[in-house]
Amino acid sequence: MRARIDLLAYAAFILLIMAAPAALDEFWLNRISKFLVFGMLGVAVSLSWGYAGILNLGQGLFFGLGAYMTAMSLKLAAPTSLQQGSGTPVPDFMLWNAEPGAPTDLCCINRASFLWLPFQEQWFGAVMSLVVPALVAMGIGWVMFRKRVSGVFVSIIMLALMLLVRLVVVDAQPVTNGFNGLTDLGNLMLAGIEFDPYSVGTYYAVAGALAAVLVLARLLVATRAGLILQAIRDDQNRVRYLGFDVPAYQVFFFTVSAVISGLAGMLYVVAAQFASPTFMDLSFSITMVVWAAVGGRASLLGACIGGILINVIEAKVSETAGLVQAWRAVIGLVFVLAVLYLPRGLAGFASDCTDRALARLGRAPRPPRADAVPVPASVSGKSA
């Protein structure tokens, strides 16, 4: 029964996000598509923190890498990059930062501009949005987990690496446009389909990707590998004594979480039309943890809903005239109340309510059958 209820919850959520275009205009579709991306980040955090027990405070690193890979391709497809009078598109900021006399060509306008050459193909940028976060996570995870680094030390290492990459992106002004990020992007074009950020097709692409991520992640944690991962979370020494390769499982799921974050970064750039080094800020990564905590870190769907719900509340509160200056305090209050009164998040609260309802149904007397014949007292042995 419990499995059926979980299945119904996933199905209801997917049907809800797929039916949204029937009730929303283009502006809100674009806005909700960004919120769905944040829900995808909640799934990534839940997989890493809730199921693997790895509190990653550098999740924004993978989101930022995925975002920049796609943004580089879309920047080269922008009209401002195609109107520089050269045989290849050249981003406008490279011209602004070029040395006097530098050739107006993507290969050599500065010392590192050749790195942009493969990104003239948009499919390459999309693929790199998944491959680069995966390779980075695999390399970092292999070193950390083989050295048996765990707990708060993983959080510190990931936080330091994320801030280091952010500094590199900001300092590489001629190549990345520094703290300004990549703006004025073109539309994504894959397989002859143009993904305009305000189109229904783009919304369905984001919603479909989130639905696929939710279903695949749910199937993954239900496999034998997922059960072993949860055992590692609870007591990795016991699992290691049973002969399992603990670091291999940790690296695998750490990498899967990074790939989901990279996909979220790619979709966010398609919907928002910009990439910024602020994606790799500490505050953003901590915000992802808040989403998972409010929704329920032990539930993929709960963390997803937490990410969407917190951002909807944030958008509404920040646009309320009387709360413009205090909306961050309101969001902080929501988090504090959730931690104090809903320690397992919204998903845990829903699970408890479901258990109580099932328990009451189990104790309730069954109604008599319509065709049942009452037994006389004399036959049953009871006196009148």
Protein backbone atom coordinates (compact mmCIF):
# COMPACT_ATOMS: atom_id res chain seq x y z
CA MET A 1 0.00 0.00 0.00
CA ARG A 2 2.79 2.42 0.92
CA ALA A 3 4.55 1.79 -2.39
CA ARG A 4 1.35 2.53 -4.26
CA ILE A 5 0.92 5.82 -2.41
CA ASP A 6 4.49 6.84 -3.29
CA LEU A 7 3.85 5.96 -6.91
CA LEU A 8 0.66 8.02 -6.89
CA ALA A 9 2.52 10.98 -5.39
CA TYR A 10 5.14 10.89 -8.17
CA ALA A 11 2.46 10.50 -10.83
CA ALA A 12 0.38 13.37 -9.42
CA PHE A 13 3.39 15.68 -9.33
CA ILE A 14 4.40 14.88 -12.89
CA LEU A 15 0.84 15.35 -14.15
CA LEU A 16 0.64 18.67 -12.32
CA ILE A 17 3.78 20.15 -13.89
CA MET A 18 2.77 18.85 -17.31
CA ALA A 19 -0.66 20.48 -17.03
CA ALA A 20 0.72 23.88 -15.99
CA PRO A 21 0.75 25.40 -19.53
CA ALA A 22 -3.04 25.13 -19.61
CA ALA A 23 -3.34 27.66 -16.78
CA LEU A 24 -0.24 29.90 -17.09
CA ASP A 25 0.84 32.57 -19.54
CA GLU A 26 4.27 32.78 -21.18
CA PHE A 27 5.80 34.89 -18.41
CA TRP A 28 4.82 32.50 -15.66
CA LEU A 29 5.76 29.46 -17.74
CA ASN A 30 9.28 30.83 -18.03
CA ARG A 31 9.35 31.58 -14.32
CA ILE A 32 8.04 28.17 -13.31
CA SER A 33 10.54 26.48 -15.63
CA LYS A 34 13.34 28.11 -13.59
CA PHE A 35 11.70 26.87 -10.40
CA LEU A 36 11.56 23.36 -11.86
CA VAL A 37 15.31 23.60 -12.46
CA PHE A 38 15.74 24.41 -8.77
CA GLY A 39 13.60 21.37 -8.00
CA MET A 40 16.07 19.30 -10.03
CA LEU A 41 18.86 20.68 -7.85
CA GLY A 42 16.86 19.54 -4.82
CA VAL A 43 16.87 16.01 -6.25
CA ALA A 44 20.66 16.18 -6.69
CA VAL A 45 21.16 17.32 -3.09
CA SER A 46 18.79 14.63 -1.79
CA LEU A 47 20.67 11.93 -3.66
CA SER A 48 24.00 13.11 -2.27
CA TRP A 49 22.98 14.15 1.24
CA GLY A 50 19.86 12.18 2.01
CA TYR A 51 20.81 8.83 0.46
CA ALA A 52 24.62 8.88 0.40
CA GLY A 53 25.11 10.90 3.58
CA ILE A 54 27.47 13.30 1.76
CA LEU A 55 26.71 16.92 2.64
CA ASN A 56 28.12 18.71 -0.40
CA LEU A 57 28.41 22.47 0.13
CA GLY A 58 29.93 22.79 -3.33
CA GLN A 59 26.94 21.63 -5.37
CA GLY A 60 26.97 25.01 -7.08
CA LEU A 61 30.29 24.05 -8.70
CA PHE A 62 28.62 21.41 -10.86
CA PHE A 63 25.62 23.63 -11.56
CA GLY A 64 27.94 26.46 -12.62
CA LEU A 65 30.07 24.24 -14.83
CA GLY A 66 27.01 22.89 -16.61
CA ALA A 67 25.65 26.41 -17.04
CA TYR A 68 28.87 27.83 -18.49
CA MET A 69 29.32 25.00 -20.98
CA THR A 70 25.94 25.67 -22.55
CA ALA A 71 26.24 29.44 -22.21
CA MET A 72 29.47 29.41 -24.23
CA SER A 73 27.69 27.79 -27.16
CA LEU A 74 24.70 30.11 -26.90
CA LYS A 75 26.99 33.15 -26.67
CA LEU A 76 28.60 32.21 -29.98
CA ALA A 77 25.12 31.90 -31.50
CA ALA A 78 24.11 35.42 -30.41
CA PRO A 79 23.79 38.13 -33.09
CA THR A 80 26.43 40.25 -31.34
CA SER A 81 28.96 37.44 -31.78
CA LEU A 82 28.12 36.88 -35.44
CA GLN A 83 28.56 40.50 -36.49
CA GLN A 84 32.26 41.01 -35.80
CA GLY A 85 33.41 40.71 -39.42
CA SER A 86 35.41 37.49 -39.01
CA GLY A 87 35.03 33.96 -40.32
CA THR A 88 34.10 32.67 -36.88
CA PRO A 89 31.78 34.17 -34.25
CA VAL A 90 33.60 36.21 -31.61
CA PRO A 91 31.98 37.22 -28.30
CA ASP A 92 31.73 40.98 -27.91
CA PHE A 93 33.51 41.02 -24.55
CA MET A 94 36.59 39.42 -26.13
CA LEU A 95 36.82 42.43 -28.45
CA TRP A 96 36.50 44.80 -25.51
CA ASN A 97 39.32 43.01 -23.66
CA ALA A 98 41.54 42.35 -26.70
CA GLU A 99 45.03 43.80 -26.90
CA PRO A 100 45.67 46.43 -29.61
CA GLY A 101 46.39 44.79 -32.95
CA ALA A 102 45.00 41.37 -31.93
CA PRO A 103 43.35 39.48 -34.84
CA THR A 104 39.56 39.42 -34.78
CA ASP A 105 39.34 35.66 -34.83
CA LEU A 106 38.09 33.22 -32.20
CA CYS A 107 41.22 31.09 -32.46
CA CYS A 108 43.66 33.77 -31.43
CA ILE A 109 42.05 36.99 -30.23
CA ASN A 110 43.60 36.16 -26.86
CA ARG A 111 45.77 33.38 -25.50
CA ALA A 112 42.90 31.15 -24.37
CA SER A 113 40.16 31.98 -26.85
CA PHE A 114 40.85 28.77 -28.79
CA LEU A 115 39.07 26.90 -25.99
CA TRP A 116 35.82 28.31 -27.39
CA LEU A 117 36.28 26.80 -30.86
CA PRO A 118 34.46 23.48 -30.25
CA PHE A 119 31.53 25.35 -28.69
CA GLN A 120 30.48 26.67 -32.08
CA GLU A 121 28.47 23.44 -32.22
CA GLN A 122 25.61 23.69 -29.75
CA TRP A 123 25.36 19.95 -29.27
CA PHE A 124 28.95 20.04 -28.02
CA GLY A 125 28.08 22.59 -25.35
CA ALA A 126 25.07 20.53 -24.26
CA VAL A 127 27.14 17.36 -24.00
CA MET A 128 29.92 19.15 -22.10
CA SER A 129 27.32 20.39 -19.60
CA LEU A 130 27.02 16.77 -18.49
CA VAL A 131 30.51 15.44 -19.18
CA VAL A 132 32.54 18.16 -17.45
CA PRO A 133 30.65 18.00 -14.11
CA ALA A 134 30.82 14.20 -14.28
CA LEU A 135 34.60 14.15 -14.84
CA VAL A 136 35.24 16.76 -12.14
CA ALA A 137 33.05 14.93 -9.62
CA MET A 138 34.61 11.59 -10.49
CA GLY A 139 38.14 12.93 -10.02
CA ILE A 140 37.38 14.73 -6.77
CA GLY A 141 35.29 11.85 -5.41
CA TRP A 142 37.91 9.24 -6.25
CA VAL A 143 40.56 11.12 -4.26
CA MET A 144 38.32 11.98 -1.31
CA PHE A 145 36.59 8.67 -0.80
CA ARG A 146 39.65 6.52 -1.48
CA LYS A 147 41.34 8.52 1.28
CA ARG A 148 38.27 7.87 3.44
CA VAL A 149 37.48 11.56 3.80
CA SER A 150 34.00 11.94 5.26
CA GLY A 151 31.69 14.19 7.21
CA VAL A 152 32.39 17.87 7.51
CA PHE A 153 35.74 17.49 5.73
CA VAL A 154 33.96 16.65 2.47
CA SER A 155 31.86 19.81 2.87
CA ILE A 156 34.97 21.94 3.48
CA ILE A 157 36.88 20.50 0.53
CA MET A 158 33.99 20.97 -1.89
CA LEU A 159 33.36 24.48 -0.61
CA ALA A 160 37.02 25.42 -1.10
CA LEU A 161 37.14 23.95 -4.61
CA MET A 162 33.96 25.74 -5.63
CA LEU A 163 35.25 29.10 -4.44
CA LEU A 164 38.57 28.44 -6.18
CA VAL A 165 36.86 27.79 -9.52
CA ARG A 166 34.74 30.90 -8.99
CA LEU A 167 37.87 33.00 -8.50
CA VAL A 168 39.38 31.55 -11.69
CA VAL A 169 36.22 32.37 -13.66
CA VAL A 170 36.13 35.94 -12.32
CA ASP A 171 39.84 36.54 -12.92
CA ALA A 172 39.76 35.18 -16.47
CA GLN A 173 38.03 38.31 -17.75
CA PRO A 174 39.14 38.04 -21.41
CA VAL A 175 37.86 34.45 -21.66
CA THR A 176 34.80 34.32 -19.37
CA ASN A 177 33.80 38.01 -19.07
CA GLY A 178 34.66 37.84 -15.39
CA PHE A 179 32.09 38.81 -12.78
CA ASN A 180 29.72 40.03 -15.51
CA GLY A 181 29.12 36.46 -16.65
CA LEU A 182 27.83 35.46 -20.06
CA THR A 183 24.79 37.45 -21.17
CA ASP A 184 23.03 38.34 -24.43
CA LEU A 185 22.82 34.69 -25.46
CA GLY A 186 21.18 33.13 -28.48
CA ASN A 187 18.48 30.45 -28.33
CA LEU A 188 19.37 26.79 -28.05
CA MET A 189 18.92 24.92 -31.34
CA LEU A 190 19.07 21.12 -31.22
CA ALA A 191 17.87 18.70 -33.92
CA GLY A 192 16.33 21.58 -35.81
CA ILE A 193 14.22 22.65 -32.81
CA GLU A 194 14.64 26.14 -31.38
CA PHE A 195 14.10 26.47 -27.65
CA ASP A 196 12.84 29.97 -27.03
CA PRO A 197 12.89 30.65 -23.26
CA TYR A 198 9.26 31.80 -23.27
CA SER A 199 7.85 29.04 -25.45
CA VAL A 200 5.69 26.17 -24.29
CA GLY A 201 8.12 23.76 -25.93
CA THR A 202 10.96 24.95 -23.71
CA TYR A 203 8.78 24.57 -20.63
CA TYR A 204 7.91 21.01 -21.60
CA ALA A 205 11.59 20.27 -22.21
CA VAL A 206 12.42 21.39 -18.66
CA ALA A 207 9.41 19.64 -17.13
CA GLY A 208 10.13 16.46 -19.07
CA ALA A 209 13.76 16.50 -17.96
CA LEU A 210 12.71 16.92 -14.32
CA ALA A 211 10.19 14.08 -14.61
CA ALA A 212 12.85 11.82 -16.14
CA VAL A 213 15.38 12.73 -13.44
CA LEU A 214 12.85 12.01 -10.68
CA VAL A 215 11.80 8.64 -12.09
CA LEU A 216 15.34 7.48 -12.90
CA ALA A 217 16.70 8.60 -9.54
CA ARG A 218 13.85 6.83 -7.75
CA LEU A 219 14.55 3.62 -9.68
CA LEU A 220 18.26 3.98 -8.96
CA VAL A 221 17.92 4.24 -5.19
CA ALA A 222 15.59 1.22 -5.22
CA THR A 223 18.25 -0.99 -6.82
CA ARG A 224 20.73 -3.15 -4.94
CA ALA A 225 23.34 -0.41 -5.34
CA GLY A 226 20.96 2.12 -3.84
CA LEU A 227 20.29 -0.09 -0.82
CA ILE A 228 24.02 -0.60 -0.29
CA LEU A 229 24.52 3.16 -0.52
CA GLN A 230 21.97 3.73 2.24
CA ALA A 231 23.73 1.11 4.34
CA ILE A 232 27.01 2.98 3.76
CA ARG A 233 25.31 6.16 4.92
CA ASP A 234 24.25 4.47 8.17
CA ASP A 235 27.47 2.56 8.92
CA GLN A 236 30.13 2.43 6.23
CA ASN A 237 32.57 0.43 8.36
CA ARG A 238 30.10 -2.44 8.67
CA VAL A 239 29.49 -2.40 4.92
CA ARG A 240 33.24 -2.35 4.30
CA TYR A 241 33.69 -5.39 6.57
CA LEU A 242 31.07 -7.22 4.51
CA GLY A 243 33.37 -6.93 1.52
CA PHE A 244 31.77 -4.11 -0.49
CA ASP A 245 33.88 -1.48 -2.23
CA VAL A 246 32.54 1.52 -0.30
CA PRO A 247 34.46 4.26 -2.21
CA ALA A 248 33.22 2.94 -5.57
CA TYR A 249 29.57 3.31 -4.53
CA GLN A 250 30.21 6.76 -3.07
CA VAL A 251 32.03 7.97 -6.19
CA PHE A 252 29.27 6.64 -8.45
CA PHE A 253 26.41 8.35 -6.66
CA PHE A 254 28.46 11.51 -6.09
CA THR A 255 29.00 11.64 -9.86
CA VAL A 256 25.32 11.00 -10.63
CA SER A 257 24.40 13.90 -8.34
CA ALA A 258 26.91 16.11 -10.19
CA VAL A 259 25.48 15.13 -13.59
CA ILE A 260 21.98 16.08 -12.42
CA SER A 261 23.32 19.45 -11.26
CA GLY A 262 25.07 19.95 -14.60
CA LEU A 263 21.84 19.19 -16.45
CA ALA A 264 20.05 21.69 -14.21
CA GLY A 265 22.68 24.31 -15.05
CA MET A 266 22.23 23.72 -18.77
CA LEU A 267 18.43 24.02 -18.55
CA TYR A 268 18.66 27.13 -16.39
CA VAL A 269 20.77 28.89 -19.03
CA VAL A 270 18.23 27.95 -21.71
CA ALA A 271 15.39 29.40 -19.60
CA ALA A 272 17.17 32.40 -18.06
CA GLN A 273 19.55 33.31 -20.92
CA PHE A 274 22.60 34.02 -18.79
CA ALA A 275 25.37 32.35 -16.80
CA SER A 276 27.06 34.00 -13.85
CA PRO A 277 29.88 33.22 -11.39
CA THR A 278 27.30 33.81 -8.65
CA PHE A 279 26.12 30.27 -9.42
CA MET A 280 29.26 29.20 -7.54
CA ASP A 281 28.67 31.41 -4.51
CA LEU A 282 28.55 29.85 -1.07
CA SER A 283 25.09 31.31 -0.43
CA PHE A 284 23.59 29.55 -3.45
CA SER A 285 24.93 26.13 -2.45
CA ILE A 286 23.68 26.58 1.11
CA THR A 287 20.30 27.58 -0.31
CA MET A 288 20.15 24.24 -2.12
CA VAL A 289 20.68 22.49 1.21
CA VAL A 290 17.82 24.56 2.67
CA TRP A 291 15.53 23.42 -0.14
CA ALA A 292 16.32 19.78 0.58
CA ALA A 293 15.94 20.24 4.34
CA VAL A 294 12.53 21.90 4.03
CA GLY A 295 11.23 19.38 1.51
CA GLY A 296 12.82 16.37 3.20
CA ARG A 297 16.35 15.31 2.34
CA ALA A 298 15.47 11.61 2.60
CA SER A 299 12.85 11.97 -0.14
CA LEU A 300 13.71 12.76 -3.76
CA LEU A 301 10.23 14.09 -4.45
CA GLY A 302 10.15 16.00 -1.17
CA ALA A 303 13.46 17.75 -1.88
CA CYS A 304 12.24 18.59 -5.37
CA ILE A 305 9.01 20.10 -4.05
CA GLY A 306 11.00 21.95 -1.39
CA GLY A 307 13.14 23.60 -4.06
CA ILE A 308 10.10 24.67 -6.05
CA LEU A 309 8.02 25.76 -3.06
CA ILE A 310 10.73 27.88 -1.43
CA ASN A 311 11.38 29.71 -4.69
CA VAL A 312 7.66 30.34 -5.27
CA ILE A 313 7.37 31.77 -1.75
CA GLU A 314 10.52 33.83 -2.30
CA ALA A 315 9.18 35.26 -5.55
CA LYS A 316 5.83 36.16 -4.03
CA VAL A 317 7.24 37.65 -0.83
CA SER A 318 9.97 39.65 -2.58
CA GLU A 319 7.32 41.25 -4.81
CA THR A 320 5.06 42.19 -1.91
CA ALA A 321 5.30 45.92 -1.26
CA GLY A 322 5.50 45.63 2.52
CA LEU A 323 8.10 42.86 2.48
CA VAL A 324 10.56 44.04 -0.17
CA GLN A 325 13.24 44.72 2.42
CA ALA A 326 12.45 41.76 4.68
CA TRP A 327 11.78 38.88 2.31
CA ARG A 328 15.07 37.16 3.13
CA ALA A 329 14.11 37.19 6.80
CA VAL A 330 10.78 35.59 5.89
CA ILE A 331 12.53 32.81 3.98
CA GLY A 332 14.91 32.32 6.92
CA LEU A 333 11.95 32.07 9.28
CA VAL A 334 10.36 29.42 7.09
CA PHE A 335 13.56 27.38 7.25
CA VAL A 336 13.89 27.72 11.05
CA LEU A 337 10.28 26.68 11.60
CA ALA A 338 10.71 23.71 9.27
CA VAL A 339 13.81 22.53 11.14
CA LEU A 340 12.17 22.95 14.56
CA TYR A 341 8.76 21.46 13.83
CA LEU A 342 9.38 19.35 10.71
CA PRO A 343 12.80 17.76 11.26
CA ARG A 344 12.18 15.32 8.38
CA GLY A 345 10.79 18.03 6.14
CA LEU A 346 7.50 18.19 4.35
CA ALA A 347 7.98 14.68 2.99
CA GLY A 348 8.43 13.30 6.51
CA PHE A 349 5.30 15.10 7.69
CA ALA A 350 3.31 13.72 4.75
CA SER A 351 4.68 10.24 5.45
CA ASP A 352 3.61 10.42 9.10
CA CYS A 353 0.12 11.57 8.13
CA THR A 354 -0.13 8.72 5.64
CA ASP A 355 0.96 6.17 8.25
CA ARG A 356 -1.65 7.44 10.71
CA ALA A 357 -4.37 7.27 8.10
CA LEU A 358 -3.41 3.72 7.13
CA ALA A 359 -3.29 2.69 10.80
CA ARG A 360 -6.79 4.04 11.38
CA LEU A 361 -8.08 2.24 8.31
CA GLY A 362 -6.46 -0.95 9.56
CA ARG A 363 -8.14 -0.71 12.99
CA ALA A 364 -11.55 0.33 11.69
CA PRO A 365 -14.19 -2.46 11.83
CA ARG A 366 -15.06 -3.86 8.47
CA PRO A 367 -18.64 -3.10 7.32
CA PRO A 368 -20.92 -6.18 7.18
CA ARG A 369 -21.46 -7.75 3.80
CA ALA A 370 -24.76 -6.94 2.14
CA ASP A 371 -25.61 -10.64 1.71
CA ALA A 372 -24.65 -11.64 5.26
CA VAL A 373 -27.37 -13.40 7.31
CA PRO A 374 -27.44 -12.53 11.05
CA VAL A 375 -26.89 -15.48 13.38
CA PRO A 376 -29.62 -16.02 16.01
CA ALA A 377 -28.50 -15.69 19.63
CA SER A 378 -29.67 -19.26 20.41
CA VAL A 379 -27.40 -20.65 17.74
CA SER A 380 -24.40 -18.58 18.75
CA GLY A 381 -24.76 -19.80 22.33
CA LYS A 382 -25.57 -16.37 23.77
CA SER A 383 -28.63 -15.76 25.92
CA ALA A 384 -31.19 -13.22 24.83
